[in-house]
């Protein structure tokens, strides 16, 4: 069996996005003081992006792994203002392990 890339395997996942309730929110401005910005590199779904010097998060493709939560050096300062699992029936459904 041929080994498949992470991107190929992730394409099989199903996302039921909760348009009314983002399960992760960033506090505006708190990422500006973080020079390392590990969220840009550790998120396996690449949900964090840098635009005009500011970090942005798009929860639509989030894998709910919590990597951003534990890697954020600004967590105590409130950069990640909210991190919780999506409400019941929402979020990611893994189809390929």
Foldseek 3Di string as FASTA:
>chain_A
DDDDDPVVQLVPKDFAADPVDQQWDFDPPLCLVPPVPCVCPPQPQNQWDADPSDIDGDRRSHQLPCPCVVVDPCVVVGRTVGHDDDDPPGGMDRDRD
